[in-house]
N, C-alpha and C. Protein backbone atom coordinates (compact mmCIF):
# COMPACT_ATOMS: atom_id res chain seq x y z
N MET A 1 3.49 34.29 7.20
CA MET A 1 3.37 32.89 6.44
C MET A 1 2.19 32.33 6.70
N SER A 2 1.12 32.02 5.51
CA SER A 2 0.12 31.45 5.97
C SER A 2 0.09 29.98 6.47
N LYS A 3 -0.96 29.48 7.58
CA LYS A 3 -1.04 28.17 8.19
C LYS A 3 -1.33 27.27 7.14
N LYS A 4 -0.41 26.07 7.25
CA LYS A 4 -0.72 24.89 6.66
C LYS A 4 -1.90 24.12 7.13
N ALA A 5 -2.73 23.50 6.29
CA ALA A 5 -3.56 22.80 6.50
C ALA A 5 -3.75 21.24 5.79
N PHE A 6 -4.11 20.59 6.51
CA PHE A 6 -4.10 18.76 6.16
C PHE A 6 -5.28 18.30 5.66
N ILE A 7 -5.28 17.49 4.67
CA ILE A 7 -6.45 16.98 4.18
C ILE A 7 -6.08 15.20 4.24
N PHE A 8 -6.63 14.33 4.76
CA PHE A 8 -6.74 13.15 4.77
C PHE A 8 -7.58 12.40 3.93
N ASP A 9 -7.05 11.34 2.96
CA ASP A 9 -8.12 10.28 2.60
C ASP A 9 -8.49 9.52 3.70
N LEU A 10 -9.41 8.47 3.58
CA LEU A 10 -9.51 7.84 4.70
C LEU A 10 -9.44 6.44 4.28
N ASP A 11 -9.65 5.82 3.40
CA ASP A 11 -9.17 4.35 3.04
C ASP A 11 -7.66 4.34 2.72
N GLY A 12 -7.14 3.50 3.27
CA GLY A 12 -5.68 3.06 3.24
C GLY A 12 -4.74 4.42 3.87
N VAL A 13 -5.27 5.27 4.52
CA VAL A 13 -4.77 6.47 4.90
C VAL A 13 -4.94 6.26 6.57
N ILE A 14 -6.33 6.47 7.12
CA ILE A 14 -6.72 6.40 8.36
C ILE A 14 -7.07 4.96 8.71
N VAL A 15 -7.42 4.17 7.78
CA VAL A 15 -7.99 2.97 8.22
C VAL A 15 -8.15 2.06 6.88
N ASP A 16 -7.98 0.62 6.91
CA ASP A 16 -7.95 -0.07 6.15
C ASP A 16 -9.40 -0.98 5.74
N THR A 17 -10.36 -0.04 5.22
CA THR A 17 -11.49 -0.79 4.64
C THR A 17 -11.36 -1.79 3.49
N ALA A 18 -10.54 -1.67 2.76
CA ALA A 18 -10.38 -2.75 1.72
C ALA A 18 -10.83 -4.05 2.13
N LYS A 19 -10.44 -4.48 3.26
CA LYS A 19 -10.74 -5.98 3.43
C LYS A 19 -12.07 -6.36 3.52
N TYR A 20 -12.86 -5.32 3.95
CA TYR A 20 -14.42 -5.54 4.42
C TYR A 20 -14.94 -5.56 2.84
N HIS A 21 -14.65 -4.78 1.84
CA HIS A 21 -15.10 -4.69 0.63
C HIS A 21 -14.75 -6.04 -0.17
N TYR A 22 -13.85 -6.24 -0.16
CA TYR A 22 -13.33 -8.07 -0.30
C TYR A 22 -14.39 -9.11 0.22
N LYS A 23 -14.41 -8.90 1.46
CA LYS A 23 -15.31 -9.85 2.33
C LYS A 23 -16.88 -9.80 1.86
N ALA A 24 -17.21 -8.61 1.52
CA ALA A 24 -18.76 -8.55 1.11
C ALA A 24 -18.78 -9.07 -0.64
N TRP A 25 -17.66 -8.77 -1.16
CA TRP A 25 -18.01 -9.22 -2.57
C TRP A 25 -17.51 -10.56 -2.57
N LYS A 26 -16.72 -11.51 -1.74
CA LYS A 26 -16.67 -12.89 -1.73
C LYS A 26 -17.78 -13.33 -1.40
N LYS A 27 -18.59 -13.08 -0.57
CA LYS A 27 -19.78 -13.51 0.10
C LYS A 27 -20.77 -13.44 -1.23
N LEU A 28 -20.73 -12.46 -1.74
CA LEU A 28 -21.78 -12.15 -2.88
C LEU A 28 -21.41 -13.33 -4.05
N ALA A 29 -20.16 -13.52 -4.30
CA ALA A 29 -19.68 -14.58 -5.25
C ALA A 29 -20.12 -15.81 -5.10
N ASN A 30 -19.82 -16.21 -3.70
CA ASN A 30 -20.18 -17.57 -3.05
C ASN A 30 -21.51 -17.86 -3.02
N ASP A 31 -22.54 -16.95 -2.80
CA ASP A 31 -23.88 -17.07 -3.03
C ASP A 31 -24.34 -17.28 -4.35
N LEU A 32 -23.79 -16.83 -5.28
CA LEU A 32 -24.21 -17.06 -6.72
C LEU A 32 -23.30 -18.36 -7.31
N GLY A 33 -22.65 -18.88 -6.24
CA GLY A 33 -21.87 -20.41 -6.74
C GLY A 33 -20.62 -20.17 -7.36
N PHE A 34 -19.49 -19.30 -7.15
CA PHE A 34 -18.54 -19.62 -7.34
C PHE A 34 -17.28 -18.90 -6.44
N ASP A 35 -16.11 -19.01 -6.52
CA ASP A 35 -15.11 -18.16 -5.61
C ASP A 35 -14.50 -17.10 -6.17
N PHE A 36 -14.18 -16.26 -5.09
CA PHE A 36 -13.46 -14.84 -5.74
C PHE A 36 -12.37 -14.79 -4.76
N THR A 37 -11.11 -14.98 -5.16
CA THR A 37 -9.90 -14.67 -4.62
C THR A 37 -9.36 -13.22 -4.54
N GLU A 38 -8.57 -12.97 -3.34
CA GLU A 38 -7.66 -11.83 -3.04
C GLU A 38 -7.11 -11.23 -4.25
N GLU A 39 -6.59 -12.31 -5.27
CA GLU A 39 -5.82 -11.72 -6.33
C GLU A 39 -6.75 -11.00 -7.42
N GLN A 40 -8.14 -11.77 -7.25
CA GLN A 40 -9.22 -10.97 -8.46
C GLN A 40 -9.71 -9.95 -7.66
N ASN A 41 -9.77 -9.73 -6.46
CA ASN A 41 -10.20 -8.36 -6.00
C ASN A 41 -9.51 -7.26 -6.37
N GLU A 42 -7.83 -7.63 -6.47
CA GLU A 42 -7.14 -6.66 -7.02
C GLU A 42 -7.52 -5.87 -8.28
N LEU A 43 -8.63 -6.43 -9.04
CA LEU A 43 -9.03 -5.83 -10.34
C LEU A 43 -10.07 -4.73 -10.05
N LEU A 44 -10.91 -4.85 -8.62
CA LEU A 44 -11.86 -3.85 -8.29
C LEU A 44 -11.20 -2.63 -7.74
N LYS A 45 -9.90 -2.51 -7.79
CA LYS A 45 -9.65 -1.50 -6.85
C LYS A 45 -9.93 -0.28 -7.43
N GLY A 46 -10.47 0.86 -6.80
CA GLY A 46 -10.74 2.16 -7.45
C GLY A 46 -11.80 2.21 -8.49
N VAL A 47 -12.45 1.36 -8.28
CA VAL A 47 -13.43 1.00 -9.64
C VAL A 47 -14.89 1.32 -9.05
N SER A 48 -15.99 1.63 -9.82
CA SER A 48 -17.08 1.71 -9.06
C SER A 48 -17.68 0.69 -8.83
N ARG A 49 -18.81 0.66 -8.08
CA ARG A 49 -19.48 -0.47 -7.41
C ARG A 49 -20.43 -1.35 -8.79
N VAL A 50 -20.68 -0.34 -9.61
CA VAL A 50 -21.54 -0.99 -11.01
C VAL A 50 -20.49 -1.95 -11.44
N ARG A 51 -19.08 -1.24 -11.86
CA ARG A 51 -18.42 -1.62 -12.80
C ARG A 51 -17.60 -2.96 -12.17
N SER A 52 -17.57 -2.83 -10.74
CA SER A 52 -16.77 -3.84 -9.80
C SER A 52 -17.91 -5.01 -10.10
N LEU A 53 -19.32 -5.13 -9.99
CA LEU A 53 -20.24 -5.90 -10.06
C LEU A 53 -19.93 -6.66 -11.72
N GLU A 54 -19.93 -5.96 -12.59
CA GLU A 54 -19.64 -6.45 -13.82
C GLU A 54 -18.75 -7.51 -13.96
N ILE A 55 -17.51 -6.83 -13.40
CA ILE A 55 -15.98 -7.88 -13.26
C ILE A 55 -16.21 -8.84 -12.49
N LEU A 56 -16.94 -8.88 -11.39
CA LEU A 56 -17.23 -10.05 -10.49
C LEU A 56 -18.26 -11.11 -11.26
N LEU A 57 -18.92 -10.79 -12.09
CA LEU A 57 -20.20 -11.50 -12.81
C LEU A 57 -19.31 -12.20 -13.70
N ASN A 58 -18.49 -11.23 -14.40
CA ASN A 58 -17.52 -11.85 -15.69
C ASN A 58 -16.84 -13.20 -15.14
N ILE A 59 -16.04 -12.89 -14.01
CA ILE A 59 -15.25 -13.94 -13.47
C ILE A 59 -15.90 -15.02 -13.36
N GLY A 60 -17.29 -14.90 -12.87
CA GLY A 60 -18.25 -16.08 -12.28
C GLY A 60 -18.81 -16.61 -13.42
N GLY A 61 -18.65 -16.06 -14.70
CA GLY A 61 -19.60 -16.37 -15.86
C GLY A 61 -21.06 -16.58 -15.73
N VAL A 62 -21.51 -15.21 -15.03
CA VAL A 62 -22.98 -15.30 -14.47
C VAL A 62 -23.65 -14.00 -15.19
N ASN A 63 -24.64 -14.16 -15.96
CA ASN A 63 -25.29 -13.07 -16.59
C ASN A 63 -26.79 -13.02 -15.85
N LEU A 64 -26.97 -11.71 -15.58
CA LEU A 64 -27.93 -11.48 -14.52
C LEU A 64 -29.07 -10.42 -15.28
N PRO A 65 -30.44 -10.29 -15.07
CA PRO A 65 -31.25 -9.06 -15.60
C PRO A 65 -30.64 -7.95 -14.69
N GLU A 66 -31.00 -6.57 -15.14
CA GLU A 66 -30.65 -5.42 -14.66
C GLU A 66 -31.20 -5.19 -12.95
N GLU A 67 -32.43 -5.78 -12.89
CA GLU A 67 -33.24 -5.58 -11.65
C GLU A 67 -32.59 -6.28 -10.42
N GLU A 68 -32.15 -7.49 -11.12
CA GLU A 68 -31.20 -8.36 -10.17
C GLU A 68 -29.85 -7.90 -9.75
N LYS A 69 -29.22 -6.90 -10.64
CA LYS A 69 -27.96 -6.46 -10.46
C LYS A 69 -28.11 -5.44 -9.52
N ILE A 70 -29.12 -4.65 -9.24
CA ILE A 70 -29.71 -3.65 -8.73
C ILE A 70 -29.66 -4.21 -7.06
N LYS A 71 -30.24 -5.14 -6.83
CA LYS A 71 -30.68 -5.71 -5.69
C LYS A 71 -29.26 -6.59 -5.22
N ILE A 72 -28.44 -6.93 -6.00
CA ILE A 72 -27.16 -7.58 -5.50
C ILE A 72 -26.33 -6.57 -5.20
N MET A 73 -26.40 -5.23 -5.74
CA MET A 73 -25.50 -4.30 -5.33
C MET A 73 -25.70 -3.62 -3.90
N GLN A 74 -27.08 -3.82 -3.82
CA GLN A 74 -27.68 -3.26 -2.32
C GLN A 74 -27.36 -4.60 -1.30
N ASP A 75 -27.33 -5.55 -1.59
CA ASP A 75 -26.87 -6.92 -0.68
C ASP A 75 -25.47 -6.75 -0.21
N LYS A 76 -24.75 -6.24 -1.16
CA LYS A 76 -23.39 -6.16 -1.27
C LYS A 76 -23.10 -5.11 -0.09
N ASN A 77 -23.76 -4.05 -0.30
CA ASN A 77 -23.63 -2.78 0.58
C ASN A 77 -23.88 -3.02 2.08
N GLU A 78 -24.94 -3.87 2.20
CA GLU A 78 -25.36 -4.20 3.38
C GLU A 78 -24.50 -4.96 3.93
N HIS A 79 -23.73 -5.97 3.47
CA HIS A 79 -22.73 -6.78 4.06
C HIS A 79 -21.62 -5.94 4.60
N TYR A 80 -21.35 -5.11 3.79
CA TYR A 80 -20.06 -4.29 3.82
C TYR A 80 -20.46 -3.34 5.24
N LEU A 81 -21.56 -2.91 4.86
CA LEU A 81 -22.10 -2.17 6.51
C LEU A 81 -22.08 -2.75 7.85
N GLN A 82 -22.34 -4.20 7.47
CA GLN A 82 -22.40 -4.98 8.55
C GLN A 82 -21.12 -5.23 9.21
N TYR A 83 -20.04 -5.15 8.13
CA TYR A 83 -18.80 -5.48 8.76
C TYR A 83 -18.06 -4.22 9.43
N ILE A 84 -18.44 -3.13 8.65
CA ILE A 84 -17.77 -1.75 9.22
C ILE A 84 -18.50 -1.38 10.65
N THR A 85 -19.66 -1.66 10.66
CA THR A 85 -20.29 -1.21 12.18
C THR A 85 -19.67 -1.85 13.20
N GLN A 86 -18.76 -2.87 12.88
CA GLN A 86 -18.04 -3.84 14.02
C GLN A 86 -16.76 -3.36 14.18
N MET A 87 -16.05 -2.07 13.56
CA MET A 87 -14.95 -1.77 13.63
C MET A 87 -14.63 -1.00 14.69
N GLY A 88 -13.52 -1.05 15.37
CA GLY A 88 -13.15 -0.07 16.66
C GLY A 88 -11.63 0.70 16.07
N GLN A 89 -11.35 1.35 17.38
CA GLN A 89 -10.14 2.11 17.33
C GLN A 89 -8.56 1.14 17.10
N ASP A 90 -8.90 0.05 17.25
CA ASP A 90 -7.59 -0.60 17.06
C ASP A 90 -7.70 -0.89 15.74
N GLU A 91 -8.25 -0.28 14.74
CA GLU A 91 -8.19 -0.80 13.39
C GLU A 91 -7.75 0.56 12.58
N ILE A 92 -7.48 1.96 13.55
CA ILE A 92 -6.88 2.86 12.91
C ILE A 92 -5.29 2.59 12.62
N LEU A 93 -4.88 3.04 11.37
CA LEU A 93 -3.59 2.32 10.51
C LEU A 93 -2.46 3.25 11.58
N GLU A 94 -1.17 2.55 11.81
CA GLU A 94 -0.46 2.83 12.67
C GLU A 94 0.11 4.27 12.37
N GLY A 95 0.19 5.01 13.95
CA GLY A 95 0.66 6.27 13.89
C GLY A 95 -0.49 7.51 13.73
N MET A 96 -1.61 7.29 12.90
CA MET A 96 -2.44 8.15 12.27
C MET A 96 -3.13 8.82 13.48
N HIS A 97 -3.64 8.08 14.75
CA HIS A 97 -4.17 8.74 15.76
C HIS A 97 -3.11 9.57 16.59
N GLU A 98 -2.10 9.44 16.64
CA GLU A 98 -0.89 10.35 16.96
C GLU A 98 -0.73 11.77 16.13
N VAL A 99 -0.61 11.38 14.94
CA VAL A 99 -0.74 12.59 13.93
C VAL A 99 -1.92 13.32 14.56
N LEU A 100 -3.28 12.75 14.19
CA LEU A 100 -4.50 13.68 14.11
C LEU A 100 -4.39 14.53 15.65
N LEU A 101 -4.08 13.93 16.65
CA LEU A 101 -4.23 14.42 18.15
C LEU A 101 -3.17 15.53 18.18
N TYR A 102 -1.92 15.66 17.36
CA TYR A 102 -1.15 16.22 17.33
C TYR A 102 -1.59 17.65 16.77
N LEU A 103 -1.99 17.48 15.59
CA LEU A 103 -2.65 18.30 14.62
C LEU A 103 -3.77 19.22 15.55
N LYS A 104 -4.15 18.28 16.18
CA LYS A 104 -5.49 19.21 17.01
C LYS A 104 -4.96 20.01 18.06
N GLU A 105 -3.88 19.46 18.52
CA GLU A 105 -3.34 20.09 19.81
C GLU A 105 -2.72 21.54 19.42
N GLN A 106 -2.25 21.32 18.21
CA GLN A 106 -1.05 22.50 17.71
C GLN A 106 -2.53 23.49 16.95
N THR A 107 -3.60 23.33 16.92
CA THR A 107 -4.67 23.83 16.29
C THR A 107 -4.36 24.25 14.84
N ILE A 108 -3.99 23.10 14.16
CA ILE A 108 -3.61 23.12 12.66
C ILE A 108 -5.06 22.51 12.21
N PRO A 109 -5.68 23.17 11.16
CA PRO A 109 -6.89 22.56 10.59
C PRO A 109 -6.65 21.45 9.75
N PHE A 110 -7.53 20.37 9.79
CA PHE A 110 -7.48 19.42 9.03
C PHE A 110 -8.77 18.66 8.55
N SER A 111 -8.93 18.27 7.60
CA SER A 111 -10.03 17.63 6.61
C SER A 111 -9.97 16.14 6.07
N LEU A 112 -11.10 15.59 6.15
CA LEU A 112 -11.26 14.37 5.79
C LEU A 112 -11.37 14.84 3.98
N GLY A 113 -10.98 14.12 3.07
CA GLY A 113 -11.36 13.97 1.87
C GLY A 113 -11.35 13.18 1.19
N SER A 114 -12.40 12.09 0.89
CA SER A 114 -12.75 10.67 0.85
C SER A 114 -13.88 10.58 -0.36
N ALA A 115 -13.94 9.74 -0.82
CA ALA A 115 -15.03 9.50 -1.93
C ALA A 115 -16.00 8.42 -1.19
N SER A 116 -15.69 8.00 -0.08
CA SER A 116 -16.57 6.98 0.53
C SER A 116 -17.76 7.80 1.07
N LYS A 117 -18.86 7.19 0.86
CA LYS A 117 -20.30 7.74 1.14
C LYS A 117 -20.45 7.53 2.60
N ASN A 118 -19.68 6.18 3.42
CA ASN A 118 -19.98 5.89 4.58
C ASN A 118 -18.73 6.17 5.43
N ALA A 119 -18.24 7.44 5.07
CA ALA A 119 -16.82 8.05 5.76
C ALA A 119 -17.03 8.41 7.26
N ARG A 120 -18.27 9.26 7.37
CA ARG A 120 -18.91 9.67 8.73
C ARG A 120 -19.36 8.23 9.78
N LEU A 121 -19.94 7.43 9.12
CA LEU A 121 -20.08 6.25 9.72
C LEU A 121 -18.84 5.61 10.36
N ILE A 122 -17.93 5.22 9.37
CA ILE A 122 -16.59 4.74 9.54
C ILE A 122 -15.92 5.58 11.02
N LEU A 123 -15.56 6.96 10.74
CA LEU A 123 -14.94 7.95 11.51
C LEU A 123 -15.85 7.96 13.05
N ASN A 124 -17.17 7.71 12.69
CA ASN A 124 -17.64 7.52 14.67
C ASN A 124 -17.59 6.36 14.79
N GLN A 125 -17.07 5.14 14.14
CA GLN A 125 -16.95 3.88 14.64
C GLN A 125 -15.44 3.89 15.25
N LEU A 126 -14.47 4.60 14.41
CA LEU A 126 -13.31 4.95 15.04
C LEU A 126 -13.05 5.92 16.34
N GLU A 127 -14.40 6.65 16.67
CA GLU A 127 -14.06 7.53 17.65
C GLU A 127 -13.29 8.84 17.18
N LEU A 128 -12.92 8.95 15.64
CA LEU A 128 -12.35 10.13 15.47
C LEU A 128 -13.34 11.27 14.96
N ILE A 129 -14.37 10.99 14.74
CA ILE A 129 -15.16 12.28 13.85
C ILE A 129 -15.14 13.30 14.46
N ASP A 130 -15.14 13.92 15.88
CA ASP A 130 -14.94 15.07 16.59
C ASP A 130 -13.63 15.67 16.17
N LEU A 131 -12.49 14.67 15.87
CA LEU A 131 -11.41 15.41 15.89
C LEU A 131 -11.16 16.47 14.56
N PHE A 132 -11.88 15.93 13.41
CA PHE A 132 -11.70 16.68 11.99
C PHE A 132 -12.62 18.25 12.16
N ASP A 133 -11.62 19.27 11.65
CA ASP A 133 -12.54 20.45 11.49
C ASP A 133 -13.29 20.33 10.31
N ALA A 134 -13.46 19.57 9.47
CA ALA A 134 -14.19 19.69 8.28
C ALA A 134 -14.13 18.10 7.71
N ILE A 135 -15.25 17.73 6.92
CA ILE A 135 -15.44 16.40 6.15
C ILE A 135 -16.01 16.65 5.09
N VAL A 136 -15.32 15.97 4.21
CA VAL A 136 -15.94 16.15 2.87
C VAL A 136 -15.89 14.70 2.49
N ASP A 137 -16.85 14.17 1.79
CA ASP A 137 -16.83 12.50 1.25
C ASP A 137 -17.70 12.48 0.21
N GLY A 138 -18.07 11.20 -0.06
CA GLY A 138 -18.64 11.04 -1.18
C GLY A 138 -20.26 11.45 -1.56
N ASN A 139 -20.95 12.05 -0.43
CA ASN A 139 -22.05 12.57 -0.47
C ASN A 139 -22.03 14.14 -0.76
N ASP A 140 -20.78 14.68 -0.85
CA ASP A 140 -20.61 16.09 -0.90
C ASP A 140 -20.12 16.28 -2.20
N VAL A 141 -19.65 15.48 -3.02
CA VAL A 141 -19.05 15.72 -4.34
C VAL A 141 -19.68 15.12 -5.73
N SER A 142 -19.66 15.52 -6.93
CA SER A 142 -20.01 15.10 -7.71
C SER A 142 -19.16 14.49 -8.94
N LYS A 143 -17.83 14.88 -8.76
CA LYS A 143 -16.54 14.14 -9.47
C LYS A 143 -15.66 13.40 -8.77
N ALA A 144 -15.57 12.28 -9.24
CA ALA A 144 -14.42 11.45 -8.83
C ALA A 144 -13.12 11.69 -9.03
N LYS A 145 -12.30 11.59 -7.96
CA LYS A 145 -10.53 11.60 -8.44
C LYS A 145 -10.68 11.07 -9.39
N PRO A 146 -9.53 11.62 -10.35
CA PRO A 146 -8.41 12.73 -10.18
C PRO A 146 -9.08 14.10 -10.30
N ASP A 147 -10.20 13.93 -10.19
CA ASP A 147 -10.92 15.58 -10.48
C ASP A 147 -10.90 16.02 -9.06
N PRO A 148 -10.07 17.21 -8.91
CA PRO A 148 -9.82 18.03 -7.61
C PRO A 148 -10.76 18.45 -6.70
N GLU A 149 -12.20 18.27 -7.22
CA GLU A 149 -13.45 18.64 -6.27
C GLU A 149 -13.11 18.53 -4.74
N VAL A 150 -12.98 17.29 -4.24
CA VAL A 150 -13.22 17.03 -3.23
C VAL A 150 -12.08 17.70 -2.43
N PHE A 151 -10.90 17.92 -2.89
CA PHE A 151 -9.90 18.66 -2.08
C PHE A 151 -10.15 20.07 -2.18
N LEU A 152 -10.60 20.55 -3.28
CA LEU A 152 -10.90 22.16 -3.30
C LEU A 152 -11.95 22.28 -2.28
N ILE A 153 -13.22 21.38 -2.30
CA ILE A 153 -14.17 21.75 -1.38
C ILE A 153 -13.48 21.66 0.31
N ALA A 154 -12.70 20.89 0.51
CA ALA A 154 -12.04 20.87 1.79
C ALA A 154 -11.34 22.21 2.43
N ALA A 155 -10.57 22.61 1.08
CA ALA A 155 -9.52 23.71 1.39
C ALA A 155 -10.44 24.84 1.72
N GLU A 156 -11.99 24.89 0.91
CA GLU A 156 -12.80 25.90 0.94
C GLU A 156 -13.22 25.99 2.59
N LYS A 157 -13.81 24.74 2.90
CA LYS A 157 -14.11 24.60 4.24
C LYS A 157 -13.18 24.69 5.36
N LEU A 158 -12.15 24.33 5.14
CA LEU A 158 -10.78 24.92 6.34
C LEU A 158 -10.44 26.45 6.15
N LYS A 159 -11.17 27.02 5.02
CA LYS A 159 -11.03 28.49 5.08
C LYS A 159 -9.27 28.97 4.59
N THR A 160 -8.94 27.99 3.68
CA THR A 160 -7.85 28.31 3.50
C THR A 160 -7.58 28.15 1.75
N THR A 161 -6.31 28.42 1.16
CA THR A 161 -6.20 28.41 -0.25
C THR A 161 -5.48 26.94 -0.43
N PRO A 162 -5.65 26.54 -1.66
CA PRO A 162 -4.94 24.89 -2.19
C PRO A 162 -3.59 25.28 -2.05
N GLU A 163 -2.65 26.15 -2.10
CA GLU A 163 -1.36 26.04 -2.21
C GLU A 163 -0.99 25.89 -0.49
N ASN A 164 -1.78 26.01 0.32
CA ASN A 164 -1.45 25.81 1.82
C ASN A 164 -1.75 24.58 2.16
N CYS A 165 -2.18 23.57 1.39
CA CYS A 165 -2.82 22.62 1.71
C CYS A 165 -1.76 21.47 1.56
N VAL A 166 -1.75 20.50 2.43
CA VAL A 166 -1.14 18.92 2.10
C VAL A 166 -2.07 17.83 2.29
N VAL A 167 -2.09 17.25 1.27
CA VAL A 167 -3.07 15.85 0.96
C VAL A 167 -2.21 14.80 1.52
N ILE A 168 -2.81 13.80 2.25
CA ILE A 168 -2.34 12.48 2.42
C ILE A 168 -3.10 11.48 1.55
N GLU A 169 -2.78 10.62 0.82
CA GLU A 169 -3.23 9.86 -0.20
C GLU A 169 -2.64 8.44 -0.38
N ASP A 170 -3.36 7.52 -0.65
CA ASP A 170 -2.60 6.07 -0.95
C ASP A 170 -3.17 5.48 -2.53
N ALA A 171 -3.87 6.54 -3.12
CA ALA A 171 -4.17 5.95 -4.63
C ALA A 171 -3.57 6.94 -5.46
N ILE A 172 -3.24 6.65 -6.67
CA ILE A 172 -2.92 7.30 -7.97
C ILE A 172 -3.73 8.24 -8.14
N ALA A 173 -4.98 8.17 -8.23
CA ALA A 173 -6.18 8.80 -8.56
C ALA A 173 -6.05 10.06 -7.53
N GLY A 174 -6.07 9.98 -6.26
CA GLY A 174 -5.70 10.96 -5.24
C GLY A 174 -4.72 12.08 -5.21
N VAL A 175 -3.53 11.12 -5.50
CA VAL A 175 -2.17 12.25 -5.74
C VAL A 175 -2.50 13.07 -6.96
N GLU A 176 -2.87 12.32 -8.11
CA GLU A 176 -3.32 13.28 -9.30
C GLU A 176 -4.23 14.57 -8.96
N ALA A 177 -5.17 14.16 -8.17
CA ALA A 177 -6.20 15.11 -7.92
C ALA A 177 -5.18 16.49 -6.98
N ALA A 178 -4.50 15.86 -5.79
CA ALA A 178 -3.81 16.74 -5.31
C ALA A 178 -2.86 17.51 -6.21
N ASN A 179 -2.27 17.26 -7.06
CA ASN A 179 -1.46 17.99 -7.76
C ASN A 179 -2.06 18.90 -8.75
N ILE A 180 -3.41 18.38 -9.28
CA ILE A 180 -4.19 19.15 -10.12
C ILE A 180 -4.64 20.41 -9.49
N ALA A 181 -4.64 20.36 -7.95
CA ALA A 181 -5.28 21.37 -6.91
C ALA A 181 -4.44 22.16 -6.60
N GLY A 182 -3.09 21.75 -7.17
CA GLY A 182 -2.00 22.81 -6.79
C GLY A 182 -1.66 22.86 -5.18
N MET A 183 -2.01 21.66 -4.82
CA MET A 183 -1.48 21.15 -3.29
C MET A 183 -0.37 20.20 -3.10
N VAL A 184 0.38 20.16 -1.95
CA VAL A 184 1.51 19.42 -1.88
C VAL A 184 0.85 18.11 -1.60
N SER A 185 1.50 17.01 -2.19
CA SER A 185 0.66 15.70 -2.29
C SER A 185 1.88 14.56 -1.37
N ILE A 186 1.29 13.64 -0.40
CA ILE A 186 2.09 12.51 0.25
C ILE A 186 1.60 11.53 -0.35
N GLY A 187 2.20 10.49 -1.15
CA GLY A 187 1.38 9.10 -1.07
C GLY A 187 2.19 8.26 -0.53
N ILE A 188 1.14 7.61 -0.25
CA ILE A 188 1.48 6.33 1.04
C ILE A 188 1.10 5.20 0.36
N GLY A 189 2.29 3.94 0.19
CA GLY A 189 2.25 2.80 -0.64
C GLY A 189 3.40 2.67 -1.84
N ASP A 190 3.04 1.95 -2.73
CA ASP A 190 4.20 1.62 -3.64
C ASP A 190 4.83 2.92 -4.14
N LYS A 191 6.11 3.41 -4.16
CA LYS A 191 6.72 4.47 -4.60
C LYS A 191 6.69 4.56 -6.24
N ASN A 192 6.77 3.16 -6.69
CA ASN A 192 6.69 3.31 -8.47
C ASN A 192 5.47 3.60 -8.73
N THR A 193 4.09 3.21 -8.02
CA THR A 193 2.69 3.57 -8.54
C THR A 193 2.56 4.91 -8.29
N LEU A 194 3.05 5.42 -7.08
CA LEU A 194 2.59 6.92 -6.49
C LEU A 194 3.74 8.09 -6.97
N ASN A 195 4.58 7.53 -7.93
CA ASN A 195 5.72 8.60 -8.15
C ASN A 195 5.44 9.92 -8.56
N GLU A 196 4.34 10.04 -8.71
CA GLU A 196 4.19 11.51 -8.85
C GLU A 196 3.87 12.61 -7.59
N ALA A 197 3.61 11.80 -6.71
CA ALA A 197 3.60 12.43 -5.14
C ALA A 197 4.66 13.06 -5.07
N ASP A 198 4.59 14.25 -4.24
CA ASP A 198 5.88 15.16 -4.05
C ASP A 198 6.56 14.46 -2.97
N PHE A 199 6.00 13.45 -1.89
CA PHE A 199 6.82 12.85 -1.07
C PHE A 199 6.08 11.26 -0.85
N ASN A 200 6.89 10.18 -0.62
CA ASN A 200 6.52 8.91 -0.77
C ASN A 200 7.12 8.32 0.47
N LEU A 201 5.66 7.79 1.07
CA LEU A 201 6.12 6.87 2.12
C LEU A 201 5.59 5.40 1.90
N ASN A 202 6.34 4.62 2.83
CA ASN A 202 5.87 2.82 2.42
C ASN A 202 4.56 2.87 3.29
N SER A 203 4.43 3.41 4.21
CA SER A 203 3.25 3.30 5.09
C SER A 203 2.94 4.32 6.10
N THR A 204 1.85 4.41 6.76
CA THR A 204 1.53 5.37 7.64
C THR A 204 2.42 5.71 8.61
N SER A 205 3.11 4.32 8.95
CA SER A 205 4.24 4.62 10.40
C SER A 205 5.36 5.74 9.86
N GLU A 206 5.52 5.78 8.79
CA GLU A 206 6.45 6.87 8.34
C GLU A 206 5.91 8.43 8.00
N LEU A 207 4.89 8.53 8.38
CA LEU A 207 4.25 9.90 8.82
C LEU A 207 4.19 10.13 9.90
N THR A 208 5.43 10.57 10.38
CA THR A 208 5.77 10.67 11.85
C THR A 208 5.22 12.39 12.45
N ILE A 209 5.37 12.64 13.38
CA ILE A 209 5.13 14.13 14.09
C ILE A 209 6.37 15.00 13.53
N GLU A 210 7.60 14.45 13.59
CA GLU A 210 8.78 15.00 13.14
C GLU A 210 8.58 15.64 11.53
N MET A 211 7.96 14.62 10.89
CA MET A 211 7.76 15.01 9.49
C MET A 211 6.67 16.11 9.40
N ILE A 212 5.53 16.17 10.31
CA ILE A 212 4.57 17.13 10.02
C ILE A 212 5.06 18.60 10.67
N LYS A 213 5.70 18.37 11.32
CA LYS A 213 6.50 20.01 11.83
C LYS A 213 7.31 20.49 10.94
N GLU A 214 7.93 19.37 9.93
CA GLU A 214 8.91 19.91 8.87
C GLU A 214 7.72 20.56 7.58
N LEU A 215 7.02 19.89 7.48
CA LEU A 215 6.09 20.16 6.53
C LEU A 215 5.11 21.62 6.97
N ILE A 216 5.09 21.72 8.22
CA ILE A 216 4.54 23.15 8.79
C ILE A 216 5.41 24.35 8.60
N LYS A 217 6.65 23.98 8.71
CA LYS A 217 7.70 24.87 8.74
C LYS A 217 7.95 25.39 6.94
N GLU A 218 7.33 24.72 6.11
CA GLU A 218 8.12 24.88 4.92
C GLU A 218 6.88 25.88 4.27
């Protein structure tokens, strides 16, 4: 029996950085003279930074030249980085620290598989970076999920085959990417949205060590 390996998405699985993206976009909107609500922020989920800015400007009815847009996106990223450099271990999502420590103790290989270009910085802040056997983030890939590139690179770095990998994700595109790669997919969040996942959990607290043991056995 080949050894199982685990691949974790970052945002919504290990930590929730979405709130910091929202705060950074809201500050930008306020600086441009309009408000930006949490409800409107839903429109930006899983969308590129460029497209997010277009949606935001559209909401505010603001037109800007290209050079100004580039500068504003840099400003937004700087605000976001200021927020995440204040993060600590208390922001790790429920149960995830225990799961990662258990995998480490059992010498079960695991990797990060995230689109975030700030993934290493965030893992450093959370003091988790040394636990991971491999990290694949937005700096290592050229194709976004649902393309399986990020997970296939992770499997390669873990020196295992896709069919031995279990992916933990909170986004439709991530679940699709895992399925395309031929990996077992665990969707964390709304079951109706993530109905293509092999397993559905409402939150990270349901990803217990018991469940991990069962997955390893299979």
